Amino acid sequence: MKIDEQTYYARLLMHTHDNWSVVEIEDEEDNAVAGGGVRMQIPKDAIPPYLRQVGSRFRFTMRTVWPDKDDSVDELRAAHREAVIVHELTND
């Protein structure tokens, strides 16, 4: 399994019933990437409570895992669950 880390800027779109959050990937100026079509799911518990409001913007670092053919969605989510770190955006 190949693993890499990437940093993304995101806007929170919604939370799912199974404690995942859907985010839209943005550039550093809060513009949606690829016309708004790039979305990811991250664990809701990786987001600090004060940033969990829909519409919140933040930066996060995520370990990217390229799965094997027989890996399930649950196995992929487990590999990512501890690998997402959310950072508050600052004006620095």
PDB file of N, CA and C in Angstrom:
ATOM      1  N   MET A   1       0.850  -1.170   0.000  1.00  0.00           N
ATOM      2  CA  MET A   1       0.000   0.000   0.000  1.00  0.00           C
ATOM      3  C   MET A   1       0.898   1.236   0.000  1.00  0.00           C
ATOM      4  N   LYS A   2       0.649   2.183  -0.918  1.00  0.00           N
ATOM      5  CA  LYS A   2       1.415   3.417  -0.978  1.00  0.00           C
ATOM      6  C   LYS A   2       0.726   4.485  -0.128  1.00  0.00           C
ATOM      7  N   ILE A   3       1.515   5.237   0.669  1.00  0.00           N
ATOM      8  CA  ILE A   3       0.968   6.259   1.563  1.00  0.00           C
ATOM      9  C   ILE A   3       1.697   7.579   1.315  1.00  0.00           C
ATOM     10  N   ASP A   4       0.924   8.686   1.272  1.00  0.00           N
ATOM     11  CA  ASP A   4       1.474  10.019   1.072  1.00  0.00           C
ATOM     12  C   ASP A   4       0.653  10.991   1.925  1.00  0.00           C
ATOM     13  N   GLU A   5       1.218  12.158   2.263  1.00  0.00           N
ATOM     14  CA  GLU A   5       0.470  13.174   3.009  1.00  0.00           C
ATOM     15  C   GLU A   5       0.283  14.408   2.153  1.00  0.00           C
ATOM     16  N   GLN A   6      -0.921  14.953   2.184  1.00  0.00           N
ATOM     17  CA  GLN A   6      -1.277  16.153   1.432  1.00  0.00           C
ATOM     18  C   GLN A   6      -2.000  17.125   2.358  1.00  0.00           C
ATOM     19  N   THR A   7      -1.869  18.419   2.073  1.00  0.00           N
ATOM     20  CA  THR A   7      -2.598  19.446   2.817  1.00  0.00           C
ATOM     21  C   THR A   7      -3.616  20.076   1.885  1.00  0.00           C
ATOM     22  N   TYR A   8      -4.837  20.249   2.391  1.00  0.00           N
ATOM     23  CA  TYR A   8      -5.942  20.789   1.612  1.00  0.00           C
ATOM     24  C   TYR A   8      -6.597  21.934   2.371  1.00  0.00           C
ATOM     25  N   TYR A   9      -7.199  22.867   1.627  1.00  0.00           N
ATOM     26  CA  TYR A   9      -8.080  23.878   2.193  1.00  0.00           C
ATOM     27  C   TYR A   9      -9.495  23.414   1.876  1.00  0.00           C
ATOM     28  N   ALA A  10     -10.415  23.563   2.828  1.00  0.00           N
ATOM     29  CA  ALA A  10     -11.737  22.980   2.636  1.00  0.00           C
ATOM     30  C   ALA A  10     -12.829  23.837   3.257  1.00  0.00           C
ATOM     31  N   ARG A  11     -14.038  23.629   2.744  1.00  0.00           N
ATOM     32  CA  ARG A  11     -15.252  24.205   3.319  1.00  0.00           C
ATOM     33  C   ARG A  11     -16.167  23.041   3.662  1.00  0.00           C
ATOM     34  N   LEU A  12     -16.690  23.024   4.878  1.00  0.00           N
ATOM     35  CA  LEU A  12     -17.549  21.942   5.345  1.00  0.00           C
ATOM     36  C   LEU A  12     -18.927  22.056   4.709  1.00  0.00           C
ATOM     37  N   LEU A  13     -19.373  20.981   4.036  1.00  0.00           N
ATOM     38  CA  LEU A  13     -20.673  20.972   3.370  1.00  0.00           C
ATOM     39  C   LEU A  13     -21.756  20.304   4.202  1.00  0.00           C
ATOM     40  N   MET A  14     -21.433  19.158   4.818  1.00  0.00           N
ATOM     41  CA  MET A  14     -22.448  18.438   5.603  1.00  0.00           C
ATOM     42  C   MET A  14     -21.791  17.319   6.398  1.00  0.00           C
ATOM     43  N   HIS A  15     -22.575  16.793   7.344  1.00  0.00           N
ATOM     44  CA  HIS A  15     -22.166  15.624   8.114  1.00  0.00           C
ATOM     45  C   HIS A  15     -23.064  14.465   7.706  1.00  0.00           C
ATOM     46  N   THR A  16     -22.487  13.272   7.627  1.00  0.00           N
ATOM     47  CA  THR A  16     -23.285  12.095   7.288  1.00  0.00           C
ATOM     48  C   THR A  16     -23.802  11.437   8.574  1.00  0.00           C
ATOM     49  N   HIS A  17     -24.733  10.529   8.410  1.00  0.00           N
ATOM     50  CA  HIS A  17     -25.321   9.847   9.567  1.00  0.00           C
ATOM     51  C   HIS A  17     -24.322   8.927  10.274  1.00  0.00           C
ATOM     52  N   ASP A  18     -23.224   8.582   9.603  1.00  0.00           N
ATOM     53  CA  ASP A  18     -22.254   7.663  10.204  1.00  0.00           C
ATOM     54  C   ASP A  18     -20.966   8.371  10.639  1.00  0.00           C
ATOM     55  N   ASN A  19     -21.107   9.659  11.059  1.00  0.00           N
ATOM     56  CA  ASN A  19     -20.022  10.449  11.649  1.00  0.00           C
ATOM     57  C   ASN A  19     -18.863  10.760  10.713  1.00  0.00           C
ATOM     58  N   TRP A  20     -19.175  10.942   9.445  1.00  0.00           N
ATOM     59  CA  TRP A  20     -18.202  11.449   8.482  1.00  0.00           C
ATOM     60  C   TRP A  20     -18.682  12.818   8.034  1.00  0.00           C
ATOM     61  N   SER A  21     -17.762  13.639   7.574  1.00  0.00           N
ATOM     62  CA  SER A  21     -18.102  14.978   7.108  1.00  0.00           C
ATOM     63  C   SER A  21     -17.666  15.125   5.657  1.00  0.00           C
ATOM     64  N   VAL A  22     -18.526  15.763   4.868  1.00  0.00           N
ATOM     65  CA  VAL A  22     -18.228  16.006   3.465  1.00  0.00           C
ATOM     66  C   VAL A  22     -17.695  17.429   3.343  1.00  0.00           C
ATOM     67  N   VAL A  23     -16.519  17.570   2.740  1.00  0.00           N
ATOM     68  CA  VAL A  23     -15.910  18.882   2.541  1.00  0.00           C
ATOM     69  C   VAL A  23     -15.666  19.108   1.055  1.00  0.00           C
ATOM     70  N   GLU A  24     -15.714  20.383   0.667  1.00  0.00           N
ATOM     71  CA  GLU A  24     -15.370  20.775  -0.690  1.00  0.00           C
ATOM     72  C   GLU A  24     -13.972  21.359  -0.654  1.00  0.00           C
ATOM     73  N   ILE A  25     -13.128  20.904  -1.548  1.00  0.00           N
ATOM     74  CA  ILE A  25     -11.740  21.358  -1.578  1.00  0.00           C
ATOM     75  C   ILE A  25     -11.673  22.732  -2.248  1.00  0.00           C
ATOM     76  N   GLU A  26     -10.936  23.643  -1.600  1.00  0.00           N
ATOM     77  CA  GLU A  26     -10.789  25.008  -2.104  1.00  0.00           C
ATOM     78  C   GLU A  26      -9.314  25.347  -2.233  1.00  0.00           C
ATOM     79  N   ASP A  27      -9.028  26.455  -2.909  1.00  0.00           N
ATOM     80  CA  ASP A  27      -7.657  26.946  -2.933  1.00  0.00           C
ATOM     81  C   ASP A  27      -7.472  27.882  -1.732  1.00  0.00           C
ATOM     82  N   GLU A  28      -6.325  28.481  -1.600  1.00  0.00           N
ATOM     83  CA  GLU A  28      -6.031  29.318  -0.433  1.00  0.00           C
ATOM     84  C   GLU A  28      -6.896  30.568  -0.370  1.00  0.00           C
ATOM     85  N   GLU A  29      -7.513  30.975  -1.467  1.00  0.00           N
ATOM     86  CA  GLU A  29      -8.358  32.167  -1.490  1.00  0.00           C
ATOM     87  C   GLU A  29      -9.841  31.820  -1.362  1.00  0.00           C
ATOM     88  N   ASP A  30     -10.184  30.647  -0.868  1.00  0.00           N
ATOM     89  CA  ASP A  30     -11.560  30.202  -0.655  1.00  0.00           C
ATOM     90  C   ASP A  30     -12.357  30.011  -1.939  1.00  0.00           C
ATOM     91  N   ASN A  31     -11.689  29.700  -3.033  1.00  0.00           N
ATOM     92  CA  ASN A  31     -12.367  29.410  -4.288  1.00  0.00           C
ATOM     93  C   ASN A  31     -12.423  27.903  -4.484  1.00  0.00           C
ATOM     94  N   ALA A  32     -13.597  27.406  -4.853  1.00  0.00           N
ATOM     95  CA  ALA A  32     -13.737  25.970  -5.075  1.00  0.00           C
ATOM     96  C   ALA A  32     -12.822  25.518  -6.206  1.00  0.00           C
ATOM     97  N   VAL A  33     -12.178  24.397  -6.004  1.00  0.00           N
ATOM     98  CA  VAL A  33     -11.289  23.812  -7.006  1.00  0.00           C
ATOM     99  C   VAL A  33     -12.136  23.074  -8.038  1.00  0.00           C
ATOM    100  N   ALA A  34     -11.762  23.173  -9.291  1.00  0.00           N
ATOM    101  CA  ALA A  34     -12.431  22.461 -10.391  1.00  0.00           C
ATOM    102  C   ALA A  34     -13.925  22.791 -10.455  1.00  0.00           C
ATOM    103  N   GLY A  35     -14.257  24.054 -10.211  1.00  0.00           N
ATOM    104  CA  GLY A  35     -15.654  24.471 -10.305  1.00  0.00           C
ATOM    105  C   GLY A  35     -16.538  23.892  -9.220  1.00  0.00           C
ATOM    106  N   GLY A  36     -15.965  23.471  -8.123  1.00  0.00           N
ATOM    107  CA  GLY A  36     -16.752  22.962  -7.003  1.00  0.00           C
ATOM    108  C   GLY A  36     -17.007  21.472  -7.034  1.00  0.00           C
ATOM    109  N   GLY A  37     -16.352  20.758  -7.918  1.00  0.00           N
ATOM    110  CA  GLY A  37     -16.629  19.341  -8.031  1.00  0.00           C
ATOM    111  C   GLY A  37     -15.738  18.422  -7.223  1.00  0.00           C
ATOM    112  N   VAL A  38     -14.785  18.982  -6.471  1.00  0.00           N
ATOM    113  CA  VAL A  38     -13.862  18.133  -5.731  1.00  0.00           C
ATOM    114  C   VAL A  38     -14.315  18.075  -4.275  1.00  0.00           C
ATOM    115  N   ARG A  39     -14.800  16.913  -3.880  1.00  0.00           N
ATOM    116  CA  ARG A  39     -15.285  16.710  -2.510  1.00  0.00           C
ATOM    117  C   ARG A  39     -14.618  15.486  -1.911  1.00  0.00           C
ATOM    118  N   MET A  40     -14.475  15.533  -0.588  1.00  0.00           N
ATOM    119  CA  MET A  40     -13.877  14.413   0.136  1.00  0.00           C
ATOM    120  C   MET A  40     -14.678  14.185   1.407  1.00  0.00           C
ATOM    121  N   GLN A  41     -14.537  13.003   1.972  1.00  0.00           N
ATOM    122  CA  GLN A  41     -15.096  12.709   3.287  1.00  0.00           C
ATOM    123  C   GLN A  41     -13.949  12.594   4.280  1.00  0.00           C
ATOM    124  N   ILE A  42     -14.123  13.243   5.432  1.00  0.00           N
ATOM    125  CA  ILE A  42     -13.145  13.127   6.509  1.00  0.00           C
ATOM    126  C   ILE A  42     -13.894  12.770   7.781  1.00  0.00           C
ATOM    127  N   PRO A  43     -13.231  12.163   8.763  1.00  0.00           N
ATOM    128  CA  PRO A  43     -13.916  11.796   9.998  1.00  0.00           C
ATOM    129  C   PRO A  43     -14.398  13.046  10.744  1.00  0.00           C
ATOM    130  N   LYS A  44     -15.657  13.036  11.149  1.00  0.00           N
ATOM    131  CA  LYS A  44     -16.224  14.176  11.875  1.00  0.00           C
ATOM    132  C   LYS A  44     -15.442  14.455  13.154  1.00  0.00           C
ATOM    133  N   ASP A  45     -15.005  13.407  13.842  1.00  0.00           N
ATOM    134  CA  ASP A  45     -14.293  13.612  15.115  1.00  0.00           C
ATOM    135  C   ASP A  45     -12.887  14.182  14.931  1.00  0.00           C
ATOM    136  N   ALA A  46     -12.399  14.274  13.685  1.00  0.00           N
ATOM    137  CA  ALA A  46     -11.104  14.922  13.434  1.00  0.00           C
ATOM    138  C   ALA A  46     -11.243  16.444  13.410  1.00  0.00           C
ATOM    139  N   ILE A  47     -12.483  16.917  13.282  1.00  0.00           N
ATOM    140  CA  ILE A  47     -12.745  18.354  13.218  1.00  0.00           C
ATOM    141  C   ILE A  47     -13.030  18.864  14.624  1.00  0.00           C
ATOM    142  N   PRO A  48     -12.307  19.882  15.103  1.00  0.00           N
ATOM    143  CA  PRO A  48     -12.606  20.430  16.426  1.00  0.00           C
ATOM    144  C   PRO A  48     -14.065  20.903  16.475  1.00  0.00           C
ATOM    145  N   PRO A  49     -14.733  20.740  17.625  1.00  0.00           N
ATOM    146  CA  PRO A  49     -16.154  21.097  17.722  1.00  0.00           C
ATOM    147  C   PRO A  49     -16.482  22.513  17.233  1.00  0.00           C
ATOM    148  N   TYR A  50     -15.615  23.469  17.483  1.00  0.00           N
ATOM    149  CA  TYR A  50     -15.913  24.846  17.086  1.00  0.00           C
ATOM    150  C   TYR A  50     -15.807  25.073  15.574  1.00  0.00           C
ATOM    151  N   LEU A  51     -15.323  24.089  14.820  1.00  0.00           N
ATOM    152  CA  LEU A  51     -15.247  24.187  13.363  1.00  0.00           C
ATOM    153  C   LEU A  51     -16.240  23.259  12.659  1.00  0.00           C
ATOM    154  N   ARG A  52     -17.140  22.635  13.408  1.00  0.00           N
ATOM    155  CA  ARG A  52     -18.067  21.652  12.825  1.00  0.00           C
ATOM    156  C   ARG A  52     -19.328  22.268  12.214  1.00  0.00           C
ATOM    157  N   GLN A  53     -19.453  23.567  12.249  1.00  0.00           N
ATOM    158  CA  GLN A  53     -20.627  24.206  11.666  1.00  0.00           C
ATOM    159  C   GLN A  53     -20.523  24.154  10.146  1.00  0.00           C
ATOM    160  N   VAL A  54     -21.624  23.788   9.480  1.00  0.00           N
ATOM    161  CA  VAL A  54     -21.646  23.752   8.019  1.00  0.00           C
ATOM    162  C   VAL A  54     -21.258  25.127   7.501  1.00  0.00           C
ATOM    163  N   GLY A  55     -20.352  25.155   6.546  1.00  0.00           N
ATOM    164  CA  GLY A  55     -19.847  26.400   5.986  1.00  0.00           C
ATOM    165  C   GLY A  55     -18.494  26.802   6.538  1.00  0.00           C
ATOM    166  N   SER A  56     -18.063  26.160   7.635  1.00  0.00           N
ATOM    167  CA  SER A  56     -16.752  26.474   8.210  1.00  0.00           C
ATOM    168  C   SER A  56     -15.658  26.160   7.207  1.00  0.00           C
ATOM    169  N   ARG A  57     -14.606  26.965   7.263  1.00  0.00           N
ATOM    170  CA  ARG A  57     -13.444  26.738   6.398  1.00  0.00           C
ATOM    171  C   ARG A  57     -12.247  26.422   7.272  1.00  0.00           C
ATOM    172  N   PHE A  58     -11.432  25.490   6.816  1.00  0.00           N
ATOM    173  CA  PHE A  58     -10.246  25.099   7.561  1.00  0.00           C
ATOM    174  C   PHE A  58      -9.259  24.436   6.611  1.00  0.00           C
ATOM    175  N   ARG A  59      -8.097  24.172   7.135  1.00  0.00           N
ATOM    176  CA  ARG A  59      -7.042  23.470   6.406  1.00  0.00           C
ATOM    177  C   ARG A  59      -6.891  22.114   7.083  1.00  0.00           C
ATOM    178  N   PHE A  60      -6.646  21.071   6.313  1.00  0.00           N
ATOM    179  CA  PHE A  60      -6.399  19.777   6.932  1.00  0.00           C
ATOM    180  C   PHE A  60      -5.313  19.020   6.187  1.00  0.00           C
ATOM    181  N   THR A  61      -4.610  18.221   6.944  1.00  0.00           N
ATOM    182  CA  THR A  61      -3.578  17.345   6.398  1.00  0.00           C
ATOM    183  C   THR A  61      -4.127  15.930   6.459  1.00  0.00           C
ATOM    184  N   MET A  62      -3.969  15.215   5.365  1.00  0.00           N
ATOM    185  CA  MET A  62      -4.533  13.868   5.296  1.00  0.00           C
ATOM    186  C   MET A  62      -3.533  12.923   4.654  1.00  0.00           C
ATOM    187  N   ARG A  63      -3.414  11.780   5.278  1.00  0.00           N
ATOM    188  CA  ARG A  63      -2.595  10.717   4.696  1.00  0.00           C
ATOM    189  C   ARG A  63      -3.410  10.083   3.578  1.00  0.00           C
ATOM    190  N   THR A  64      -2.828  10.012   2.409  1.00  0.00           N
ATOM    191  CA  THR A  64      -3.488   9.395   1.265  1.00  0.00           C
ATOM    192  C   THR A  64      -2.991   7.970   1.120  1.00  0.00           C
ATOM    193  N   VAL A  65      -3.923   7.065   0.985  1.00  0.00           N
ATOM    194  CA  VAL A  65      -3.600   5.651   0.869  1.00  0.00           C
ATOM    195  C   VAL A  65      -4.112   5.141  -0.467  1.00  0.00           C
ATOM    196  N   TRP A  66      -3.245   4.526  -1.234  1.00  0.00           N
ATOM    197  CA  TRP A  66      -3.658   3.871  -2.470  1.00  0.00           C
ATOM    198  C   TRP A  66      -3.908   2.405  -2.121  1.00  0.00           C
ATOM    199  N   PRO A  67      -5.174   2.000  -2.170  1.00  0.00           N
ATOM    200  CA  PRO A  67      -5.539   0.665  -1.698  1.00  0.00           C
ATOM    201  C   PRO A  67      -5.165  -0.447  -2.668  1.00  0.00           C
ATOM    202  N   ASP A  68      -5.170  -1.627  -2.110  1.00  0.00           N
ATOM    203  CA  ASP A  68      -5.071  -2.828  -2.926  1.00  0.00           C
ATOM    204  C   ASP A  68      -6.450  -3.108  -3.517  1.00  0.00           C
ATOM    205  N   LYS A  69      -6.507  -3.919  -4.537  1.00  0.00           N
ATOM    206  CA  LYS A  69      -7.773  -4.207  -5.224  1.00  0.00           C
ATOM    207  C   LYS A  69      -8.855  -4.741  -4.307  1.00  0.00           C
ATOM    208  N   ASP A  70      -8.482  -5.509  -3.318  1.00  0.00           N
ATOM    209  CA  ASP A  70      -9.486  -6.157  -2.472  1.00  0.00           C
ATOM    210  C   ASP A  70      -9.790  -5.397  -1.181  1.00  0.00           C
ATOM    211  N   ASP A  71      -9.269  -4.180  -1.001  1.00  0.00           N
ATOM    212  CA  ASP A  71      -9.570  -3.384   0.191  1.00  0.00           C
ATOM    213  C   ASP A  71     -11.002  -2.849   0.117  1.00  0.00           C
ATOM    214  N   SER A  72     -11.717  -2.912   1.235  1.00  0.00           N
ATOM    215  CA  SER A  72     -13.094  -2.426   1.279  1.00  0.00           C
ATOM    216  C   SER A  72     -13.118  -0.943   1.674  1.00  0.00           C
ATOM    217  N   VAL A  73     -14.279  -0.325   1.540  1.00  0.00           N
ATOM    218  CA  VAL A  73     -14.453   1.065   1.963  1.00  0.00           C
ATOM    219  C   VAL A  73     -14.169   1.188   3.456  1.00  0.00           C
ATOM    220  N   ASP A  74     -14.628   0.236   4.246  1.00  0.00           N
ATOM    221  CA  ASP A  74     -14.384   0.272   5.694  1.00  0.00           C
ATOM    222  C   ASP A  74     -12.892   0.209   6.009  1.00  0.00           C
ATOM    223  N   GLU A  75     -12.154  -0.606   5.272  1.00  0.00           N
ATOM    224  CA  GLU A  75     -10.701  -0.688   5.483  1.00  0.00           C
ATOM    225  C   GLU A  75     -10.025   0.623   5.100  1.00  0.00           C
ATOM    226  N   LEU A  76     -10.476   1.233   4.026  1.00  0.00           N
ATOM    227  CA  LEU A  76      -9.925   2.539   3.625  1.00  0.00           C
ATOM    228  C   LEU A  76     -10.214   3.599   4.680  1.00  0.00           C
ATOM    229  N   ARG A  77     -11.455   3.641   5.154  1.00  0.00           N
ATOM    230  CA  ARG A  77     -11.820   4.619   6.182  1.00  0.00           C
ATOM    231  C   ARG A  77     -11.006   4.405   7.455  1.00  0.00           C
ATOM    232  N   ALA A  78     -10.791   3.163   7.830  1.00  0.00           N
ATOM    233  CA  ALA A  78      -9.987   2.880   9.025  1.00  0.00           C
ATOM    234  C   ALA A  78      -8.557   3.380   8.844  1.00  0.00           C
ATOM    235  N   ALA A  79      -8.016   3.238   7.652  1.00  0.00           N
ATOM    236  CA  ALA A  79      -6.653   3.705   7.391  1.00  0.00           C
ATOM    237  C   ALA A  79      -6.563   5.224   7.477  1.00  0.00           C
ATOM    238  N   HIS A  80      -7.653   5.907   7.134  1.00  0.00           N
ATOM    239  CA  HIS A  80      -7.665   7.372   7.157  1.00  0.00           C
ATOM    240  C   HIS A  80      -8.118   7.965   8.489  1.00  0.00           C
ATOM    241  N   ARG A  81      -8.840   7.199   9.291  1.00  0.00           N
ATOM    242  CA  ARG A  81      -9.472   7.759  10.497  1.00  0.00           C
ATOM    243  C   ARG A  81      -8.480   8.490  11.398  1.00  0.00           C
ATOM    244  N   GLU A  82      -7.335   7.939  11.626  1.00  0.00           N
ATOM    245  CA  GLU A  82      -6.340   8.564  12.493  1.00  0.00           C
ATOM    246  C   GLU A  82      -5.370   9.450  11.715  1.00  0.00           C
ATOM    247  N   ALA A  83      -5.572   9.566  10.423  1.00  0.00           N
ATOM    248  CA  ALA A  83      -4.595  10.263   9.593  1.00  0.00           C
ATOM    249  C   ALA A  83      -5.051  11.638   9.130  1.00  0.00           C
ATOM    250  N   VAL A  84      -6.160  12.163   9.684  1.00  0.00           N
ATOM    251  CA  VAL A  84      -6.641  13.478   9.306  1.00  0.00           C
ATOM    252  C   VAL A  84      -6.419  14.439  10.461  1.00  0.00           C
ATOM    253  N   ILE A  85      -5.723  15.532  10.184  1.00  0.00           N
ATOM    254  CA  ILE A  85      -5.475  16.558  11.197  1.00  0.00           C
ATOM    255  C   ILE A  85      -6.014  17.873  10.667  1.00  0.00           C
ATOM    256  N   VAL A  86      -6.966  18.470  11.383  1.00  0.00           N
ATOM    257  CA  VAL A  86      -7.589  19.722  10.953  1.00  0.00           C
ATOM    258  C   VAL A  86      -6.912  20.886  11.660  1.00  0.00           C
ATOM    259  N   HIS A  87      -6.661  21.961  10.900  1.00  0.00           N
ATOM    260  CA  HIS A  87      -6.014  23.167  11.410  1.00  0.00           C
ATOM    261  C   HIS A  87      -6.928  24.358  11.176  1.00  0.00           C
ATOM    262  N   GLU A  88      -7.073  25.210  12.164  1.00  0.00           N
ATOM    263  CA  GLU A  88      -7.856  26.435  12.009  1.00  0.00           C
ATOM    264  C   GLU A  88      -7.108  27.373  11.066  1.00  0.00           C
ATOM    265  N   LEU A  89      -7.849  28.067  10.223  1.00  0.00           N
ATOM    266  CA  LEU A  89      -7.235  29.064   9.343  1.00  0.00           C
ATOM    267  C   LEU A  89      -6.959  30.323  10.160  1.00  0.00           C
ATOM    268  N   THR A  90      -5.816  30.934   9.928  1.00  0.00           N
ATOM    269  CA  THR A  90      -5.467  32.179  10.603  1.00  0.00           C
ATOM    270  C   THR A  90      -5.152  33.242   9.559  1.00  0.00           C
ATOM    271  N   ASN A  91      -5.091  34.465   9.989  1.00  0.00           N
ATOM    272  CA  ASN A  91      -4.791  35.568   9.077  1.00  0.00           C
ATOM    273  C   ASN A  91      -3.313  35.903   9.036  1.00  0.00           C
ATOM    274  N   ASP A  92      -2.471  35.003   9.483  1.00  0.00           N
ATOM    275  CA  ASP A  92      -1.021  35.252   9.508  1.00  0.00           C
ATOM    276  C   ASP A  92      -0.435  35.327   8.128  1.00  0.00           C
TER     277      ASP A  92
END
